[in-house]
Amino acid sequence: MRHIARPGEPDKRTLRQGLLAVRSRLTADDLRETSTALAARALELPELGRAGTVAAYVSVGSEPGTPALLDALRARGVRVLLPVLLPDNDLDWGLYEGEGSLARVRHGGRMALLEPAGERLGPDAVTAADAVLLPGLAVDARGMRLGRGGGSYDRVLARLERAGADPALVVLLYDSEVVGHVPEEAHDRPVHAVVTPSGVRRFRQDS
């Protein structure tokens, strides 16, 4: 069922536009500083400390930077999975084996993505992850995440649920993107925690 915004509540599209506009004003120095801080905070998470496999992603443009975090996880001996966008917006997965293992891929008229150039492991590979790092634009006090609207990670979360997998779900954001309320639809699922450059906030305990 389509979510109907409450009176005075921005819809998802309007909220996305505002958040992307703020990100577009970030400078290269802002991106470097927040990337370093974000990695430090994320690496303090117990869920990442005990993870053998982490599904992550390579940040692009003004997204909170992930390269330092990917390298730190790999240096710990963690098996890091990265997404490969499929024509139907679903995600396949491949292993991260260092910066040289990435290829720049343009999907239609979209921004080019950095994707693993090696073997494809299949969409179900994510079900083996102990933690899944999710991109997003905002999260609210309930842990409801606002994505970019392509639906790729909605499919990932549905796949995890069908498989009975229960990894830690962690969204990586800027401090200002933890907001009061995110409009949700029936298929939306809350995350367990958000990591921002200033710290970690948890929304619910693992069962």
Protein backbone atom coordinates (compact mmCIF):
# COMPACT_ATOMS: atom_id res chain seq x y z
CA MET A 1 0.00 0.00 0.00
CA ARG A 2 1.27 3.46 -0.85
CA HIS A 3 2.09 5.60 2.17
CA ILE A 4 0.01 8.76 2.51
CA ALA A 5 1.92 11.61 4.10
CA ARG A 6 0.48 13.05 7.28
CA PRO A 7 -0.54 16.73 7.27
CA GLY A 8 2.62 18.84 7.22
CA GLU A 9 4.83 15.82 6.53
CA PRO A 10 7.02 15.95 3.42
CA ASP A 11 6.66 13.01 1.06
CA LYS A 12 9.66 10.83 0.25
CA ARG A 13 10.44 12.63 -3.00
CA THR A 14 10.46 16.08 -1.40
CA LEU A 15 12.56 14.84 1.52
CA ARG A 16 15.06 13.24 -0.87
CA GLN A 17 15.41 16.44 -2.88
CA GLY A 18 16.14 18.50 0.22
CA LEU A 19 18.71 16.04 1.57
CA LEU A 20 20.48 15.71 -1.78
CA ALA A 21 20.64 19.50 -2.06
CA VAL A 22 22.44 19.68 1.29
CA ARG A 23 24.88 16.95 0.25
CA SER A 24 25.63 18.77 -3.01
CA ARG A 25 27.08 21.67 -1.03
CA LEU A 26 29.69 19.55 0.75
CA THR A 27 33.30 20.34 -0.15
CA ALA A 28 36.11 17.89 -0.85
CA ASP A 29 37.53 18.69 2.60
CA ASP A 30 34.14 17.96 4.20
CA LEU A 31 34.04 14.57 2.46
CA ARG A 32 37.57 13.62 3.55
CA GLU A 33 37.00 14.59 7.18
CA THR A 34 33.64 12.86 7.50
CA SER A 35 34.93 9.72 5.76
CA THR A 36 37.74 9.33 8.31
CA ALA A 37 35.41 9.95 11.26
CA LEU A 38 32.74 7.62 9.87
CA ALA A 39 35.21 4.76 9.50
CA ALA A 40 36.46 5.23 13.06
CA ARG A 41 32.95 5.16 14.50
CA ALA A 42 31.85 2.17 12.44
CA LEU A 43 34.91 0.13 13.41
CA GLU A 44 33.93 0.52 17.07
CA LEU A 45 30.70 -1.40 16.44
CA PRO A 46 30.76 -4.82 18.14
CA GLU A 47 28.66 -6.16 15.25
CA LEU A 48 31.53 -5.39 12.86
CA GLY A 49 34.16 -6.53 15.33
CA ARG A 50 32.76 -10.06 15.40
CA ALA A 51 31.64 -10.24 11.77
CA GLY A 52 33.25 -12.73 9.42
CA THR A 53 31.39 -11.38 6.37
CA VAL A 54 30.15 -7.84 5.84
CA ALA A 55 28.05 -6.68 2.88
CA ALA A 56 29.00 -3.07 2.20
CA TYR A 57 29.12 -0.65 -0.74
CA VAL A 58 31.47 1.84 -2.39
CA SER A 59 30.34 5.42 -1.79
CA VAL A 60 30.06 7.71 -4.81
CA GLY A 61 29.74 11.46 -5.17
CA SER A 62 28.77 13.18 -1.92
CA GLU A 63 27.70 10.02 -0.07
CA PRO A 64 29.34 9.46 3.33
CA GLY A 65 32.70 7.96 2.35
CA THR A 66 33.27 4.22 2.73
CA PRO A 67 36.71 3.45 1.14
CA ALA A 68 38.65 3.80 4.41
CA LEU A 69 36.14 1.55 6.16
CA LEU A 70 36.29 -1.10 3.41
CA ASP A 71 40.09 -1.23 3.63
CA ALA A 72 40.05 -1.40 7.44
CA LEU A 73 37.55 -4.28 7.41
CA ARG A 74 39.61 -6.17 4.84
CA ALA A 75 42.77 -5.57 6.92
CA ARG A 76 40.99 -7.25 9.85
CA GLY A 77 40.44 -10.33 7.71
CA VAL A 78 36.75 -9.67 7.15
CA ARG A 79 35.22 -11.01 3.93
CA VAL A 80 33.73 -7.88 2.35
CA LEU A 81 30.96 -8.19 -0.24
CA LEU A 82 30.19 -5.31 -2.60
CA PRO A 83 27.10 -4.88 -4.79
CA VAL A 84 26.84 -5.10 -8.56
CA LEU A 85 23.76 -3.38 -9.97
CA LEU A 86 21.70 -5.60 -12.28
CA PRO A 87 19.49 -4.34 -15.14
CA ASP A 88 16.32 -4.81 -13.05
CA ASN A 89 17.82 -2.82 -10.12
CA ASP A 90 18.43 -5.98 -8.07
CA LEU A 91 21.94 -6.53 -6.68
CA ASP A 92 24.49 -9.25 -7.37
CA TRP A 93 27.59 -9.38 -5.17
CA GLY A 94 31.36 -9.74 -5.52
CA LEU A 95 34.36 -9.76 -3.19
CA TYR A 96 36.31 -6.61 -2.34
CA GLU A 97 40.00 -7.35 -2.76
CA GLY A 98 41.40 -3.84 -2.53
CA GLU A 99 41.00 -0.65 -4.53
CA GLY A 100 42.51 -2.29 -7.62
CA SER A 101 39.68 -4.86 -7.68
CA LEU A 102 37.08 -2.20 -8.52
CA ALA A 103 35.84 -1.21 -11.97
CA ARG A 104 33.98 1.99 -12.83
CA VAL A 105 30.65 1.06 -14.43
CA ARG A 106 28.02 3.40 -15.85
CA HIS A 107 24.44 2.13 -15.86
CA GLY A 108 22.50 4.09 -18.44
CA GLY A 109 22.47 7.79 -17.66
CA ARG A 110 23.22 7.35 -13.95
CA MET A 111 26.33 8.31 -12.08
CA ALA A 112 29.13 5.76 -12.61
CA LEU A 113 29.45 3.20 -9.81
CA LEU A 114 32.54 1.43 -8.54
CA GLU A 115 31.80 -2.30 -8.58
CA PRO A 116 33.89 -5.43 -7.91
CA ALA A 117 35.45 -6.63 -11.17
CA GLY A 118 35.89 -10.26 -10.13
CA GLU A 119 33.61 -13.27 -9.87
CA ARG A 120 29.90 -12.73 -9.36
CA LEU A 121 28.59 -14.58 -6.32
CA GLY A 122 24.85 -14.26 -7.01
CA PRO A 123 22.12 -12.16 -5.35
CA ASP A 124 21.76 -14.67 -2.50
CA ALA A 125 25.39 -14.19 -1.39
CA VAL A 126 24.22 -11.37 0.90
CA THR A 127 22.34 -13.89 3.06
CA ALA A 128 25.70 -15.08 4.42
CA ALA A 129 26.59 -11.63 5.78
CA ASP A 130 26.84 -11.06 9.52
CA ALA A 131 26.31 -7.33 8.99
CA VAL A 132 24.92 -5.31 6.09
CA LEU A 133 25.98 -1.68 5.65
CA LEU A 134 23.22 0.22 3.86
CA PRO A 135 23.37 3.49 1.95
CA GLY A 136 20.62 5.98 2.59
CA LEU A 137 19.62 9.61 2.79
CA ALA A 138 18.03 9.70 6.25
CA VAL A 139 16.87 7.64 9.20
CA ASP A 140 14.36 8.49 11.90
CA ALA A 141 14.00 7.73 15.59
CA ARG A 142 12.34 4.38 14.81
CA GLY A 143 15.18 3.26 12.55
CA MET A 144 13.16 3.74 9.35
CA ARG A 145 15.60 4.42 6.49
CA LEU A 146 15.03 6.67 3.49
CA GLY A 147 16.82 5.35 0.42
CA ARG A 148 17.24 6.91 -3.01
CA GLY A 149 14.09 5.27 -4.33
CA GLY A 150 15.54 2.70 -6.71
CA GLY A 151 14.37 -0.24 -4.61
CA SER A 152 17.64 -2.21 -4.76
CA TYR A 153 18.04 -2.47 -1.01
CA ASP A 154 14.34 -3.14 -0.49
CA ARG A 155 15.01 -6.31 -2.50
CA VAL A 156 18.06 -7.11 -0.40
CA LEU A 157 16.10 -6.76 2.83
CA ALA A 158 13.26 -8.89 1.46
CA ARG A 159 15.77 -11.55 0.38
CA LEU A 160 17.30 -11.62 3.87
CA GLU A 161 13.86 -12.01 5.41
CA ARG A 162 12.87 -14.85 3.07
CA ALA A 163 16.12 -16.66 3.88
CA GLY A 164 15.60 -16.29 7.63
CA ALA A 165 18.88 -14.37 7.82
CA ASP A 166 19.23 -11.80 10.62
CA PRO A 167 22.38 -9.73 10.05
CA ALA A 168 22.98 -6.42 11.79
CA LEU A 169 21.53 -3.69 9.54
CA VAL A 170 23.52 -0.47 9.75
CA VAL A 171 22.96 2.71 7.73
CA LEU A 172 25.82 5.19 7.17
CA LEU A 173 24.80 8.86 7.20
CA TYR A 174 25.83 12.41 8.02
CA ASP A 175 24.84 13.79 11.44
CA SER A 176 22.13 16.07 10.00
CA GLU A 177 20.42 13.13 8.30
CA VAL A 178 19.08 11.63 11.53
CA VAL A 179 15.63 13.21 11.33
CA GLY A 180 12.35 13.27 13.22
CA HIS A 181 10.28 11.17 10.83
CA VAL A 182 10.72 9.28 7.56
CA PRO A 183 7.57 8.37 5.60
CA GLU A 184 7.34 4.59 5.31
CA GLU A 185 5.51 2.08 3.18
CA ALA A 186 4.40 -1.46 4.02
CA HIS A 187 7.59 -3.06 2.67
CA ASP A 188 9.99 -0.78 4.59
CA ARG A 189 11.99 -2.35 7.40
CA PRO A 190 13.84 -0.59 10.25
CA VAL A 191 17.61 -0.80 10.63
CA HIS A 192 19.35 -1.69 13.86
CA ALA A 193 21.75 1.25 14.01
CA VAL A 194 22.99 4.37 12.26
CA VAL A 195 26.64 5.41 12.15
CA THR A 196 27.43 9.09 11.61
CA PRO A 197 30.77 10.92 11.90
CA SER A 198 29.91 11.87 15.50
CA GLY A 199 28.80 8.48 16.77
CA VAL A 200 26.41 5.52 16.75
CA ARG A 201 22.71 5.40 17.55
CA ARG A 202 20.87 2.12 18.02
CA PHE A 203 17.17 1.63 17.38
CA ARG A 204 16.39 -1.85 18.62
CA GLN A 205 18.22 -4.80 20.05
CA ASP A 206 18.79 -7.98 18.08
CA SER A 207 16.46 -10.71 19.19
